[in-house]
Amino acid sequence: MNPEETMRLLVALRSRGVGDTRVLTAMERVDRARFVTPTFAARAFEDVPLPIARGQTISQPSVVGLMTQALEVGPRDIVLEVGTGTGYQSAILSHLARRVYTIERHRPLARMARENHEALGLTNIVQIVGDGSYGVPEQAPFDRILVTAATEDTPGPLLAQLRIGGRMVLPVGESDQVQTLIKVVRTAEGYDYEELGAVRFVPLIGGVEHD
């Protein structure tokens, strides 16, 4: 990791509202260049989304930081991430949580993520191939859930897998429109929703792609 590029990225993150010291430290420890193709490695420290395999994208760092910050992950938390991609977001979460379960519908991406996590020595991440819209019920309830693909509405199975007192952050809206980032907090009485701002993500698609 280039210290000057890392410092510029951290300055950019702070200027866009990422002020949580634990989140900034976690992002400083994860080299984004490892999670993009060699073609885009030179742009890994720019605050822009970049394409990865299977027609997916790796989110821009400021969005990753803002979503992680809104999640308020504690060191004893069990986190579910829906939409692993090449594993960048889950790598950051691994420095904040006790354990991270991350589910990806594209088997090649899940394999890349596992290789990236193993190369970085991140042992508290469990990679799963599956349909993320159904979550991982056998490991529920979760303290935190982060969804990195847009849904038209908050998926019921994910709400059900959130522990009382837990929170979920996800983009909600039509897949071809700008979506709204939503924070959901589960209470004993139900769910509280808060809008955090406009974002743009690839849509959350059901099923599993093996090739």
N, C-alpha and C. Protein backbone atom coordinates (compact mmCIF):
# COMPACT_ATOMS: atom_id res chain seq x y z
N MET A 1 0.84 -1.19 0.00
CA MET A 1 0.00 0.00 0.00
C MET A 1 0.88 1.25 0.00
N ASN A 2 0.55 2.18 -0.87
CA ASN A 2 1.29 3.43 -0.96
C ASN A 2 0.82 4.39 0.13
N PRO A 3 1.71 4.81 1.05
CA PRO A 3 1.27 5.66 2.17
C PRO A 3 0.65 6.98 1.71
N GLU A 4 1.19 7.57 0.64
CA GLU A 4 0.64 8.84 0.17
C GLU A 4 -0.76 8.65 -0.40
N GLU A 5 -0.94 7.59 -1.19
CA GLU A 5 -2.27 7.33 -1.75
C GLU A 5 -3.26 7.00 -0.64
N THR A 6 -2.80 6.24 0.35
CA THR A 6 -3.67 5.90 1.48
C THR A 6 -4.09 7.16 2.23
N MET A 7 -3.15 8.07 2.46
CA MET A 7 -3.47 9.30 3.17
C MET A 7 -4.46 10.15 2.38
N ARG A 8 -4.29 10.22 1.06
CA ARG A 8 -5.23 11.00 0.23
C ARG A 8 -6.63 10.39 0.32
N LEU A 9 -6.70 9.06 0.32
CA LEU A 9 -8.00 8.40 0.42
C LEU A 9 -8.64 8.70 1.77
N LEU A 10 -7.87 8.66 2.85
CA LEU A 10 -8.43 8.93 4.17
C LEU A 10 -8.94 10.37 4.26
N VAL A 11 -8.21 11.30 3.65
CA VAL A 11 -8.67 12.70 3.62
C VAL A 11 -9.99 12.80 2.87
N ALA A 12 -10.08 12.08 1.73
CA ALA A 12 -11.31 12.10 0.95
C ALA A 12 -12.47 11.50 1.74
N LEU A 13 -12.20 10.43 2.48
CA LEU A 13 -13.25 9.80 3.28
C LEU A 13 -13.76 10.77 4.35
N ARG A 14 -12.85 11.44 5.02
CA ARG A 14 -13.26 12.39 6.07
C ARG A 14 -14.08 13.54 5.47
N SER A 15 -13.67 13.99 4.28
CA SER A 15 -14.38 15.12 3.66
C SER A 15 -15.80 14.74 3.24
N ARG A 16 -16.05 13.42 3.09
CA ARG A 16 -17.38 12.95 2.68
C ARG A 16 -18.20 12.45 3.86
N GLY A 17 -17.70 12.69 5.07
CA GLY A 17 -18.50 12.39 6.24
C GLY A 17 -18.13 11.15 7.02
N VAL A 18 -17.07 10.46 6.61
CA VAL A 18 -16.63 9.28 7.36
C VAL A 18 -15.67 9.76 8.46
N GLY A 19 -16.18 9.83 9.68
CA GLY A 19 -15.36 10.36 10.77
C GLY A 19 -15.08 9.38 11.88
N ASP A 20 -15.70 8.19 11.82
CA ASP A 20 -15.51 7.18 12.85
C ASP A 20 -14.08 6.64 12.80
N THR A 21 -13.35 6.80 13.89
CA THR A 21 -11.93 6.42 13.91
C THR A 21 -11.73 4.94 13.67
N ARG A 22 -12.60 4.09 14.25
CA ARG A 22 -12.46 2.64 14.06
C ARG A 22 -12.68 2.27 12.60
N VAL A 23 -13.63 2.91 11.95
CA VAL A 23 -13.91 2.62 10.54
C VAL A 23 -12.74 3.07 9.68
N LEU A 24 -12.22 4.26 9.92
CA LEU A 24 -11.09 4.78 9.14
C LEU A 24 -9.86 3.89 9.32
N THR A 25 -9.63 3.44 10.55
CA THR A 25 -8.48 2.57 10.80
C THR A 25 -8.63 1.24 10.07
N ALA A 26 -9.84 0.68 10.10
CA ALA A 26 -10.09 -0.58 9.39
C ALA A 26 -9.87 -0.42 7.89
N MET A 27 -10.33 0.69 7.33
CA MET A 27 -10.17 0.92 5.90
C MET A 27 -8.72 1.16 5.54
N GLU A 28 -7.98 1.77 6.44
CA GLU A 28 -6.55 1.99 6.20
C GLU A 28 -5.79 0.67 6.16
N ARG A 29 -6.28 -0.32 6.87
CA ARG A 29 -5.59 -1.61 6.96
C ARG A 29 -5.88 -2.53 5.79
N VAL A 30 -6.87 -2.19 4.97
CA VAL A 30 -7.28 -3.07 3.86
C VAL A 30 -6.88 -2.43 2.53
N ASP A 31 -6.01 -3.10 1.79
CA ASP A 31 -5.52 -2.61 0.50
C ASP A 31 -6.57 -2.89 -0.58
N ARG A 32 -7.27 -1.84 -1.02
CA ARG A 32 -8.34 -2.02 -2.01
C ARG A 32 -7.81 -2.57 -3.33
N ALA A 33 -6.55 -2.33 -3.63
CA ALA A 33 -5.98 -2.79 -4.91
C ALA A 33 -6.05 -4.31 -5.04
N ARG A 34 -6.01 -5.01 -3.92
CA ARG A 34 -6.08 -6.48 -3.97
C ARG A 34 -7.43 -6.97 -4.47
N PHE A 35 -8.46 -6.14 -4.35
CA PHE A 35 -9.82 -6.58 -4.61
C PHE A 35 -10.34 -6.16 -5.98
N VAL A 36 -9.50 -5.52 -6.79
CA VAL A 36 -9.88 -5.13 -8.14
C VAL A 36 -8.98 -5.86 -9.13
N THR A 37 -9.34 -5.83 -10.41
CA THR A 37 -8.52 -6.48 -11.43
C THR A 37 -7.25 -5.66 -11.66
N PRO A 38 -6.18 -6.29 -12.15
CA PRO A 38 -4.94 -5.55 -12.41
C PRO A 38 -5.14 -4.32 -13.29
N THR A 39 -6.13 -4.39 -14.18
CA THR A 39 -6.41 -3.26 -15.08
C THR A 39 -6.74 -1.99 -14.30
N PHE A 40 -7.41 -2.15 -13.16
CA PHE A 40 -7.88 -1.00 -12.39
C PHE A 40 -7.10 -0.79 -11.10
N ALA A 41 -6.04 -1.57 -10.89
CA ALA A 41 -5.30 -1.47 -9.63
C ALA A 41 -4.75 -0.06 -9.40
N ALA A 42 -4.36 0.62 -10.46
CA ALA A 42 -3.80 1.97 -10.31
C ALA A 42 -4.85 2.97 -9.83
N ARG A 43 -6.12 2.63 -9.97
CA ARG A 43 -7.20 3.53 -9.55
C ARG A 43 -7.83 3.09 -8.23
N ALA A 44 -7.24 2.12 -7.58
CA ALA A 44 -7.84 1.54 -6.38
C ALA A 44 -8.00 2.54 -5.25
N PHE A 45 -7.16 3.57 -5.21
CA PHE A 45 -7.23 4.54 -4.12
C PHE A 45 -8.07 5.76 -4.46
N GLU A 46 -8.67 5.76 -5.65
CA GLU A 46 -9.59 6.83 -5.99
C GLU A 46 -10.96 6.55 -5.37
N ASP A 47 -11.69 7.59 -5.05
CA ASP A 47 -13.00 7.41 -4.44
C ASP A 47 -14.07 7.25 -5.52
N VAL A 48 -13.96 6.15 -6.25
CA VAL A 48 -14.89 5.84 -7.34
C VAL A 48 -15.21 4.35 -7.30
N PRO A 49 -16.42 3.96 -7.76
CA PRO A 49 -16.70 2.53 -7.93
C PRO A 49 -15.91 1.99 -9.11
N LEU A 50 -15.56 0.73 -9.06
CA LEU A 50 -14.78 0.11 -10.13
C LEU A 50 -15.40 -1.23 -10.51
N PRO A 51 -15.32 -1.60 -11.79
CA PRO A 51 -15.88 -2.88 -12.20
C PRO A 51 -15.04 -4.06 -11.71
N ILE A 52 -15.74 -5.14 -11.36
CA ILE A 52 -15.08 -6.41 -11.07
C ILE A 52 -15.74 -7.47 -11.95
N ALA A 53 -15.42 -8.71 -11.74
CA ALA A 53 -15.94 -9.78 -12.60
C ALA A 53 -17.45 -9.94 -12.46
N ARG A 54 -18.04 -10.67 -13.40
CA ARG A 54 -19.46 -11.04 -13.41
C ARG A 54 -20.38 -9.84 -13.51
N GLY A 55 -19.90 -8.75 -14.10
CA GLY A 55 -20.73 -7.57 -14.30
C GLY A 55 -21.05 -6.83 -13.01
N GLN A 56 -20.29 -7.07 -11.96
CA GLN A 56 -20.52 -6.44 -10.67
C GLN A 56 -19.54 -5.27 -10.48
N THR A 57 -19.69 -4.55 -9.38
CA THR A 57 -18.79 -3.43 -9.08
C THR A 57 -18.34 -3.51 -7.63
N ILE A 58 -17.19 -2.89 -7.39
CA ILE A 58 -16.72 -2.67 -6.03
C ILE A 58 -17.07 -1.23 -5.70
N SER A 59 -17.78 -1.04 -4.60
CA SER A 59 -18.31 0.29 -4.27
C SER A 59 -17.19 1.29 -4.02
N GLN A 60 -17.52 2.58 -4.21
CA GLN A 60 -16.52 3.60 -3.93
C GLN A 60 -16.26 3.64 -2.43
N PRO A 61 -15.01 3.89 -2.04
CA PRO A 61 -14.64 3.81 -0.63
C PRO A 61 -15.48 4.68 0.30
N SER A 62 -15.89 5.88 -0.14
CA SER A 62 -16.68 6.73 0.76
C SER A 62 -18.03 6.10 1.06
N VAL A 63 -18.63 5.42 0.09
CA VAL A 63 -19.91 4.74 0.33
C VAL A 63 -19.69 3.55 1.28
N VAL A 64 -18.61 2.81 1.06
CA VAL A 64 -18.26 1.71 1.96
C VAL A 64 -18.10 2.25 3.39
N GLY A 65 -17.37 3.37 3.50
CA GLY A 65 -17.14 3.95 4.82
C GLY A 65 -18.41 4.44 5.48
N LEU A 66 -19.27 5.11 4.73
CA LEU A 66 -20.51 5.63 5.29
C LEU A 66 -21.45 4.50 5.72
N MET A 67 -21.54 3.44 4.90
CA MET A 67 -22.39 2.31 5.26
C MET A 67 -21.85 1.60 6.50
N THR A 68 -20.54 1.42 6.55
CA THR A 68 -19.92 0.76 7.70
C THR A 68 -20.11 1.60 8.95
N GLN A 69 -19.95 2.90 8.82
CA GLN A 69 -20.12 3.81 9.94
C GLN A 69 -21.55 3.77 10.47
N ALA A 70 -22.53 3.75 9.57
CA ALA A 70 -23.94 3.71 9.96
C ALA A 70 -24.28 2.40 10.66
N LEU A 71 -23.55 1.35 10.34
CA LEU A 71 -23.82 0.03 10.92
C LEU A 71 -23.42 -0.02 12.41
N GLU A 72 -22.43 0.80 12.78
CA GLU A 72 -21.96 0.86 14.18
C GLU A 72 -21.60 -0.53 14.70
N VAL A 73 -20.64 -1.16 14.06
CA VAL A 73 -20.24 -2.53 14.42
C VAL A 73 -19.40 -2.52 15.69
N GLY A 74 -19.77 -3.38 16.63
CA GLY A 74 -19.00 -3.53 17.86
C GLY A 74 -18.09 -4.75 17.79
N PRO A 75 -17.06 -4.80 18.63
CA PRO A 75 -16.07 -5.89 18.55
C PRO A 75 -16.63 -7.27 18.88
N ARG A 76 -17.80 -7.36 19.50
CA ARG A 76 -18.40 -8.66 19.80
C ARG A 76 -19.53 -9.02 18.83
N ASP A 77 -19.75 -8.19 17.83
CA ASP A 77 -20.90 -8.39 16.93
C ASP A 77 -20.67 -9.51 15.92
N ILE A 78 -21.75 -10.18 15.59
CA ILE A 78 -21.80 -11.14 14.48
C ILE A 78 -22.51 -10.43 13.34
N VAL A 79 -21.83 -10.35 12.19
CA VAL A 79 -22.32 -9.54 11.07
C VAL A 79 -22.62 -10.44 9.87
N LEU A 80 -23.71 -10.14 9.19
CA LEU A 80 -24.01 -10.76 7.90
C LEU A 80 -23.85 -9.71 6.81
N GLU A 81 -23.06 -10.03 5.79
CA GLU A 81 -22.98 -9.19 4.60
C GLU A 81 -23.62 -9.93 3.44
N VAL A 82 -24.52 -9.27 2.74
CA VAL A 82 -25.16 -9.84 1.55
C VAL A 82 -24.55 -9.18 0.33
N GLY A 83 -23.85 -9.98 -0.48
CA GLY A 83 -23.17 -9.47 -1.68
C GLY A 83 -21.68 -9.31 -1.43
N THR A 84 -20.96 -10.43 -1.43
CA THR A 84 -19.53 -10.41 -1.09
C THR A 84 -18.70 -9.69 -2.12
N GLY A 85 -19.03 -9.89 -3.42
CA GLY A 85 -18.13 -9.40 -4.46
C GLY A 85 -16.77 -10.06 -4.32
N THR A 86 -15.70 -9.29 -4.42
CA THR A 86 -14.35 -9.85 -4.26
C THR A 86 -13.87 -9.77 -2.81
N GLY A 87 -14.75 -9.28 -1.90
CA GLY A 87 -14.44 -9.39 -0.48
C GLY A 87 -13.93 -8.14 0.20
N TYR A 88 -13.99 -6.97 -0.46
CA TYR A 88 -13.44 -5.75 0.13
C TYR A 88 -14.21 -5.32 1.38
N GLN A 89 -15.54 -5.21 1.26
CA GLN A 89 -16.34 -4.76 2.39
C GLN A 89 -16.23 -5.72 3.57
N SER A 90 -16.28 -7.01 3.31
CA SER A 90 -16.19 -7.98 4.41
C SER A 90 -14.82 -7.96 5.06
N ALA A 91 -13.77 -7.65 4.30
CA ALA A 91 -12.44 -7.52 4.89
C ALA A 91 -12.41 -6.37 5.89
N ILE A 92 -13.04 -5.27 5.55
CA ILE A 92 -13.11 -4.13 6.47
C ILE A 92 -13.93 -4.50 7.70
N LEU A 93 -15.07 -5.15 7.49
CA LEU A 93 -15.91 -5.56 8.61
C LEU A 93 -15.17 -6.51 9.55
N SER A 94 -14.28 -7.32 9.00
CA SER A 94 -13.57 -8.31 9.82
C SER A 94 -12.68 -7.65 10.87
N HIS A 95 -12.26 -6.42 10.62
CA HIS A 95 -11.43 -5.69 11.59
C HIS A 95 -12.27 -5.03 12.67
N LEU A 96 -13.59 -5.07 12.52
CA LEU A 96 -14.48 -4.39 13.46
C LEU A 96 -15.34 -5.35 14.27
N ALA A 97 -15.62 -6.53 13.71
CA ALA A 97 -16.58 -7.47 14.30
C ALA A 97 -15.89 -8.72 14.83
N ARG A 98 -16.66 -9.50 15.59
CA ARG A 98 -16.13 -10.79 16.06
C ARG A 98 -16.12 -11.81 14.94
N ARG A 99 -17.22 -11.84 14.16
CA ARG A 99 -17.29 -12.78 13.03
C ARG A 99 -18.15 -12.17 11.94
N VAL A 100 -17.77 -12.45 10.69
CA VAL A 100 -18.49 -11.95 9.53
C VAL A 100 -18.90 -13.14 8.66
N TYR A 101 -20.19 -13.26 8.40
CA TYR A 101 -20.70 -14.20 7.41
C TYR A 101 -21.03 -13.38 6.17
N THR A 102 -20.51 -13.81 5.04
CA THR A 102 -20.75 -13.06 3.81
C THR A 102 -21.22 -14.02 2.72
N ILE A 103 -22.30 -13.65 2.04
CA ILE A 103 -22.93 -14.55 1.08
C ILE A 103 -22.93 -13.91 -0.30
N GLU A 104 -22.60 -14.72 -1.32
CA GLU A 104 -22.45 -14.25 -2.69
C GLU A 104 -23.09 -15.26 -3.64
N ARG A 105 -23.85 -14.78 -4.63
CA ARG A 105 -24.54 -15.68 -5.56
C ARG A 105 -23.65 -16.14 -6.70
N HIS A 106 -22.55 -15.43 -6.97
CA HIS A 106 -21.62 -15.80 -8.03
C HIS A 106 -20.47 -16.62 -7.44
N ARG A 107 -20.41 -17.89 -7.78
CA ARG A 107 -19.38 -18.75 -7.21
C ARG A 107 -17.95 -18.26 -7.51
N PRO A 108 -17.65 -17.80 -8.74
CA PRO A 108 -16.28 -17.31 -9.00
C PRO A 108 -15.90 -16.12 -8.11
N LEU A 109 -16.85 -15.21 -7.85
CA LEU A 109 -16.56 -14.09 -6.97
C LEU A 109 -16.32 -14.56 -5.54
N ALA A 110 -17.14 -15.49 -5.08
CA ALA A 110 -16.96 -16.03 -3.73
C ALA A 110 -15.59 -16.68 -3.59
N ARG A 111 -15.14 -17.34 -4.66
CA ARG A 111 -13.82 -17.98 -4.63
C ARG A 111 -12.72 -16.92 -4.56
N MET A 112 -12.87 -15.84 -5.35
CA MET A 112 -11.89 -14.75 -5.30
C MET A 112 -11.83 -14.14 -3.91
N ALA A 113 -13.01 -13.92 -3.32
CA ALA A 113 -13.06 -13.32 -1.99
C ALA A 113 -12.35 -14.21 -0.97
N ARG A 114 -12.60 -15.51 -1.04
CA ARG A 114 -11.96 -16.43 -0.10
C ARG A 114 -10.44 -16.37 -0.25
N GLU A 115 -9.97 -16.34 -1.49
CA GLU A 115 -8.53 -16.25 -1.72
C GLU A 115 -7.95 -14.94 -1.19
N ASN A 116 -8.68 -13.86 -1.40
CA ASN A 116 -8.22 -12.56 -0.89
C ASN A 116 -8.15 -12.56 0.64
N HIS A 117 -9.19 -13.08 1.26
CA HIS A 117 -9.22 -13.10 2.73
C HIS A 117 -8.13 -13.99 3.30
N GLU A 118 -7.91 -15.14 2.66
CA GLU A 118 -6.86 -16.04 3.14
C GLU A 118 -5.49 -15.41 2.98
N ALA A 119 -5.27 -14.70 1.86
CA ALA A 119 -3.98 -14.05 1.63
C ALA A 119 -3.70 -12.97 2.67
N LEU A 120 -4.77 -12.35 3.18
CA LEU A 120 -4.63 -11.29 4.18
C LEU A 120 -4.67 -11.83 5.61
N GLY A 121 -4.84 -13.14 5.74
CA GLY A 121 -4.85 -13.75 7.07
C GLY A 121 -6.08 -13.42 7.89
N LEU A 122 -7.20 -13.17 7.21
CA LEU A 122 -8.45 -12.82 7.90
C LEU A 122 -9.21 -14.10 8.19
N THR A 123 -9.18 -14.53 9.43
CA THR A 123 -9.71 -15.84 9.79
C THR A 123 -11.11 -15.80 10.39
N ASN A 124 -11.68 -14.61 10.57
CA ASN A 124 -13.00 -14.52 11.18
C ASN A 124 -14.10 -14.23 10.16
N ILE A 125 -13.85 -14.59 8.89
CA ILE A 125 -14.83 -14.41 7.82
C ILE A 125 -15.24 -15.79 7.30
N VAL A 126 -16.54 -16.01 7.17
CA VAL A 126 -17.07 -17.24 6.58
C VAL A 126 -17.72 -16.87 5.25
N GLN A 127 -17.20 -17.40 4.14
CA GLN A 127 -17.74 -17.12 2.81
C GLN A 127 -18.75 -18.20 2.44
N ILE A 128 -19.88 -17.77 1.94
CA ILE A 128 -20.97 -18.68 1.60
C ILE A 128 -21.45 -18.38 0.19
N VAL A 129 -21.68 -19.42 -0.61
CA VAL A 129 -22.31 -19.27 -1.92
C VAL A 129 -23.80 -19.53 -1.75
N GLY A 130 -24.62 -18.57 -2.12
CA GLY A 130 -26.04 -18.75 -1.97
C GLY A 130 -26.83 -17.52 -2.38
N ASP A 131 -28.13 -17.60 -2.22
CA ASP A 131 -29.05 -16.51 -2.54
C ASP A 131 -29.15 -15.60 -1.32
N GLY A 132 -28.52 -14.43 -1.41
CA GLY A 132 -28.44 -13.54 -0.28
C GLY A 132 -29.76 -12.96 0.17
N SER A 133 -30.76 -12.95 -0.71
CA SER A 133 -32.05 -12.39 -0.33
C SER A 133 -32.73 -13.21 0.77
N TYR A 134 -32.27 -14.46 0.96
CA TYR A 134 -32.81 -15.30 2.03
C TYR A 134 -31.92 -15.29 3.27
N GLY A 135 -30.78 -14.58 3.19
CA GLY A 135 -29.89 -14.52 4.33
C GLY A 135 -29.23 -15.84 4.62
N VAL A 136 -28.86 -16.03 5.89
CA VAL A 136 -28.24 -17.28 6.34
C VAL A 136 -28.96 -17.68 7.64
N PRO A 137 -30.18 -18.24 7.51
CA PRO A 137 -31.01 -18.48 8.70
C PRO A 137 -30.37 -19.38 9.73
N GLU A 138 -29.53 -20.32 9.28
CA GLU A 138 -28.94 -21.26 10.24
C GLU A 138 -27.93 -20.58 11.18
N GLN A 139 -27.48 -19.38 10.84
CA GLN A 139 -26.54 -18.64 11.69
C GLN A 139 -27.21 -17.46 12.40
N ALA A 140 -28.48 -17.23 12.14
CA ALA A 140 -29.21 -16.10 12.73
C ALA A 140 -29.48 -16.37 14.22
N PRO A 141 -29.74 -15.31 15.00
CA PRO A 141 -29.86 -13.90 14.58
C PRO A 141 -28.51 -13.20 14.49
N PHE A 142 -28.49 -12.13 13.71
CA PHE A 142 -27.28 -11.33 13.52
C PHE A 142 -27.41 -10.00 14.26
N ASP A 143 -26.27 -9.53 14.76
CA ASP A 143 -26.25 -8.21 15.40
C ASP A 143 -26.31 -7.09 14.37
N ARG A 144 -25.71 -7.34 13.21
CA ARG A 144 -25.65 -6.35 12.15
C ARG A 144 -25.81 -7.07 10.80
N ILE A 145 -26.51 -6.41 9.87
CA ILE A 145 -26.64 -6.93 8.50
C ILE A 145 -26.35 -5.78 7.55
N LEU A 146 -25.50 -6.04 6.57
CA LEU A 146 -25.16 -5.05 5.55
C LEU A 146 -25.45 -5.64 4.18
N VAL A 147 -26.24 -4.93 3.38
CA VAL A 147 -26.62 -5.41 2.05
C VAL A 147 -25.96 -4.49 1.03
N THR A 148 -25.20 -5.06 0.10
CA THR A 148 -24.44 -4.26 -0.86
C THR A 148 -25.02 -4.34 -2.26
N ALA A 149 -26.33 -4.59 -2.35
CA ALA A 149 -27.05 -4.56 -3.62
C ALA A 149 -28.44 -4.03 -3.34
N ALA A 150 -29.03 -3.38 -4.34
CA ALA A 150 -30.29 -2.66 -4.11
C ALA A 150 -31.49 -3.59 -4.20
N THR A 151 -32.43 -3.40 -3.28
CA THR A 151 -33.69 -4.13 -3.28
C THR A 151 -34.83 -3.13 -3.45
N GLU A 152 -35.94 -3.58 -4.02
CA GLU A 152 -37.10 -2.70 -4.15
C GLU A 152 -37.79 -2.48 -2.81
N ASP A 153 -37.60 -3.44 -1.91
CA ASP A 153 -38.12 -3.30 -0.56
C ASP A 153 -37.20 -4.10 0.36
N THR A 154 -37.26 -3.83 1.64
CA THR A 154 -36.40 -4.55 2.58
C THR A 154 -36.82 -6.01 2.64
N PRO A 155 -35.92 -6.96 2.35
CA PRO A 155 -36.29 -8.38 2.32
C PRO A 155 -36.75 -8.87 3.69
N GLY A 156 -37.93 -9.49 3.72
CA GLY A 156 -38.48 -10.02 4.96
C GLY A 156 -37.57 -11.01 5.68
N PRO A 157 -36.94 -11.96 4.94
CA PRO A 157 -36.06 -12.91 5.62
C PRO A 157 -34.89 -12.24 6.34
N LEU A 158 -34.39 -11.14 5.78
CA LEU A 158 -33.28 -10.44 6.44
C LEU A 158 -33.76 -9.71 7.69
N LEU A 159 -34.93 -9.10 7.61
CA LEU A 159 -35.50 -8.45 8.79
C LEU A 159 -35.68 -9.47 9.91
N ALA A 160 -36.15 -10.66 9.56
CA ALA A 160 -36.41 -11.69 10.56
C ALA A 160 -35.13 -12.20 11.20
N GLN A 161 -34.00 -12.09 10.48
CA GLN A 161 -32.73 -12.60 10.99
C GLN A 161 -31.94 -11.56 11.78
N LEU A 162 -32.53 -10.38 11.96
CA LEU A 162 -31.87 -9.31 12.71
C LEU A 162 -32.25 -9.43 14.19
N ARG A 163 -31.25 -9.43 15.04
CA ARG A 163 -31.48 -9.52 16.47
C ARG A 163 -32.20 -8.26 16.98
N ILE A 164 -33.04 -8.39 17.99
CA ILE A 164 -33.64 -7.21 18.61
C ILE A 164 -32.51 -6.33 19.16
N GLY A 165 -32.54 -5.07 18.79
CA GLY A 165 -31.46 -4.15 19.11
C GLY A 165 -30.42 -4.06 18.00
N GLY A 166 -30.52 -4.94 17.02
CA GLY A 166 -29.58 -4.94 15.90
C GLY A 166 -29.97 -3.94 14.83
N ARG A 167 -29.06 -3.74 13.88
CA ARG A 167 -29.34 -2.80 12.81
C ARG A 167 -28.88 -3.34 11.47
N MET A 168 -29.58 -2.90 10.43
CA MET A 168 -29.26 -3.28 9.06
C MET A 168 -29.16 -2.02 8.22
N VAL A 169 -28.18 -2.01 7.30
CA VAL A 169 -28.01 -0.90 6.36
C VAL A 169 -28.08 -1.48 4.96
N LEU A 170 -28.90 -0.86 4.10
CA LEU A 170 -29.08 -1.38 2.75
C LEU A 170 -29.61 -0.28 1.83
N PRO A 171 -29.31 -0.40 0.51
CA PRO A 171 -29.91 0.51 -0.47
C PRO A 171 -31.26 -0.03 -0.93
N VAL A 172 -32.26 0.86 -0.98
CA VAL A 172 -33.61 0.46 -1.38
C VAL A 172 -34.08 1.36 -2.51
N GLY A 173 -34.66 0.75 -3.55
CA GLY A 173 -35.17 1.53 -4.67
C GLY A 173 -35.13 0.74 -5.95
N GLU A 174 -35.72 1.32 -7.02
CA GLU A 174 -35.72 0.68 -8.33
C GLU A 174 -34.29 0.50 -8.81
N SER A 175 -34.01 -0.63 -9.46
CA SER A 175 -32.64 -0.96 -9.83
C SER A 175 -32.05 -0.01 -10.87
N ASP A 176 -32.88 0.65 -11.68
CA ASP A 176 -32.35 1.55 -12.69
C ASP A 176 -32.47 3.01 -12.28
N GLN A 177 -32.76 3.25 -11.01
CA GLN A 177 -32.87 4.60 -10.50
C GLN A 177 -31.87 4.79 -9.36
N VAL A 178 -31.67 6.04 -8.96
CA VAL A 178 -30.90 6.30 -7.75
C VAL A 178 -31.69 5.76 -6.56
N GLN A 179 -31.02 5.01 -5.71
CA GLN A 179 -31.70 4.41 -4.57
C GLN A 179 -31.43 5.24 -3.31
N THR A 180 -32.11 4.86 -2.23
CA THR A 180 -31.92 5.52 -0.95
C THR A 180 -31.28 4.54 0.02
N LEU A 181 -30.23 4.99 0.68
CA LEU A 181 -29.60 4.17 1.70
C LEU A 181 -30.44 4.25 2.97
N ILE A 182 -30.79 3.09 3.49
CA ILE A 182 -31.71 2.99 4.62
C ILE A 182 -31.00 2.30 5.80
N LYS A 183 -31.24 2.82 6.99
CA LYS A 183 -30.82 2.13 8.21
C LYS A 183 -32.07 1.63 8.92
N VAL A 184 -32.07 0.34 9.26
CA VAL A 184 -33.18 -0.28 9.96
C VAL A 184 -32.69 -0.74 11.33
N VAL A 185 -33.40 -0.35 12.37
CA VAL A 185 -33.10 -0.81 13.73
C VAL A 185 -34.27 -1.64 14.22
N ARG A 186 -33.99 -2.86 14.66
CA ARG A 186 -35.05 -3.72 15.17
C ARG A 186 -35.26 -3.44 16.66
N THR A 187 -36.48 -3.18 17.03
CA THR A 187 -36.85 -2.96 18.42
C THR A 187 -37.79 -4.07 18.88
N ALA A 188 -38.11 -4.08 20.16
CA ALA A 188 -39.04 -5.09 20.67
C ALA A 188 -40.43 -4.92 20.07
N GLU A 189 -40.73 -3.70 19.62
CA GLU A 189 -42.05 -3.42 19.05
C GLU A 189 -42.11 -3.57 17.53
N GLY A 190 -40.95 -3.57 16.87
CA GLY A 190 -40.95 -3.64 15.40
C GLY A 190 -39.64 -3.14 14.82
N TYR A 191 -39.75 -2.29 13.80
CA TYR A 191 -38.56 -1.82 13.08
C TYR A 191 -38.64 -0.31 12.89
N ASP A 192 -37.53 0.38 13.16
CA ASP A 192 -37.42 1.81 12.91
C ASP A 192 -36.56 2.03 11.68
N TYR A 193 -37.01 2.91 10.79
CA TYR A 193 -36.31 3.16 9.53
C TYR A 193 -35.79 4.60 9.49
N GLU A 194 -34.60 4.77 8.94
CA GLU A 194 -34.03 6.11 8.77
C GLU A 194 -33.36 6.19 7.40
N GLU A 195 -33.64 7.24 6.65
CA GLU A 195 -33.01 7.45 5.35
C GLU A 195 -31.67 8.15 5.54
N LEU A 196 -30.64 7.65 4.86
CA LEU A 196 -29.28 8.18 5.04
C LEU A 196 -28.76 8.94 3.83
N GLY A 197 -29.42 8.84 2.68
CA GLY A 197 -28.95 9.56 1.50
C GLY A 197 -29.09 8.74 0.24
N ALA A 198 -28.81 9.39 -0.88
CA ALA A 198 -28.95 8.75 -2.19
C ALA A 198 -27.68 7.97 -2.55
N VAL A 199 -27.87 6.80 -3.15
CA VAL A 199 -26.76 5.94 -3.58
C VAL A 199 -27.17 5.26 -4.89
N ARG A 200 -26.22 4.54 -5.48
CA ARG A 200 -26.54 3.74 -6.67
C ARG A 200 -25.78 2.42 -6.58
N PHE A 201 -26.53 1.32 -6.57
CA PHE A 201 -25.96 -0.01 -6.47
C PHE A 201 -26.55 -0.91 -7.56
N VAL A 202 -25.83 -1.99 -7.85
CA VAL A 202 -26.40 -3.02 -8.71
C VAL A 202 -27.56 -3.67 -7.97
N PRO A 203 -28.54 -4.23 -8.69
CA PRO A 203 -29.70 -4.83 -8.03
C PRO A 203 -29.37 -6.14 -7.33
N LEU A 204 -30.11 -6.42 -6.26
CA LEU A 204 -30.01 -7.71 -5.59
C LEU A 204 -30.84 -8.71 -6.39
N ILE A 205 -30.19 -9.75 -6.86
CA ILE A 205 -30.84 -10.76 -7.72
C ILE A 205 -30.87 -12.09 -6.99
N GLY A 206 -31.98 -12.78 -7.07
CA GLY A 206 -32.11 -14.07 -6.43
C GLY A 206 -31.42 -15.18 -7.21
N GLY A 207 -31.37 -16.34 -6.59
CA GLY A 207 -30.75 -17.48 -7.25
C GLY A 207 -29.24 -17.52 -7.07
N VAL A 208 -28.62 -18.55 -7.64
CA VAL A 208 -27.17 -18.75 -7.51
C VAL A 208 -26.59 -18.99 -8.89
N GLU A 209 -25.51 -18.27 -9.24
CA GLU A 209 -24.77 -18.48 -10.48
C GLU A 209 -23.51 -19.26 -10.17
N HIS A 210 -23.32 -20.39 -10.83
CA HIS A 210 -22.19 -21.26 -10.48
C HIS A 210 -20.99 -21.06 -11.40
N ASP A 211 -21.19 -20.50 -12.60
CA ASP A 211 -20.07 -20.42 -13.55
C ASP A 211 -19.47 -19.02 -13.56
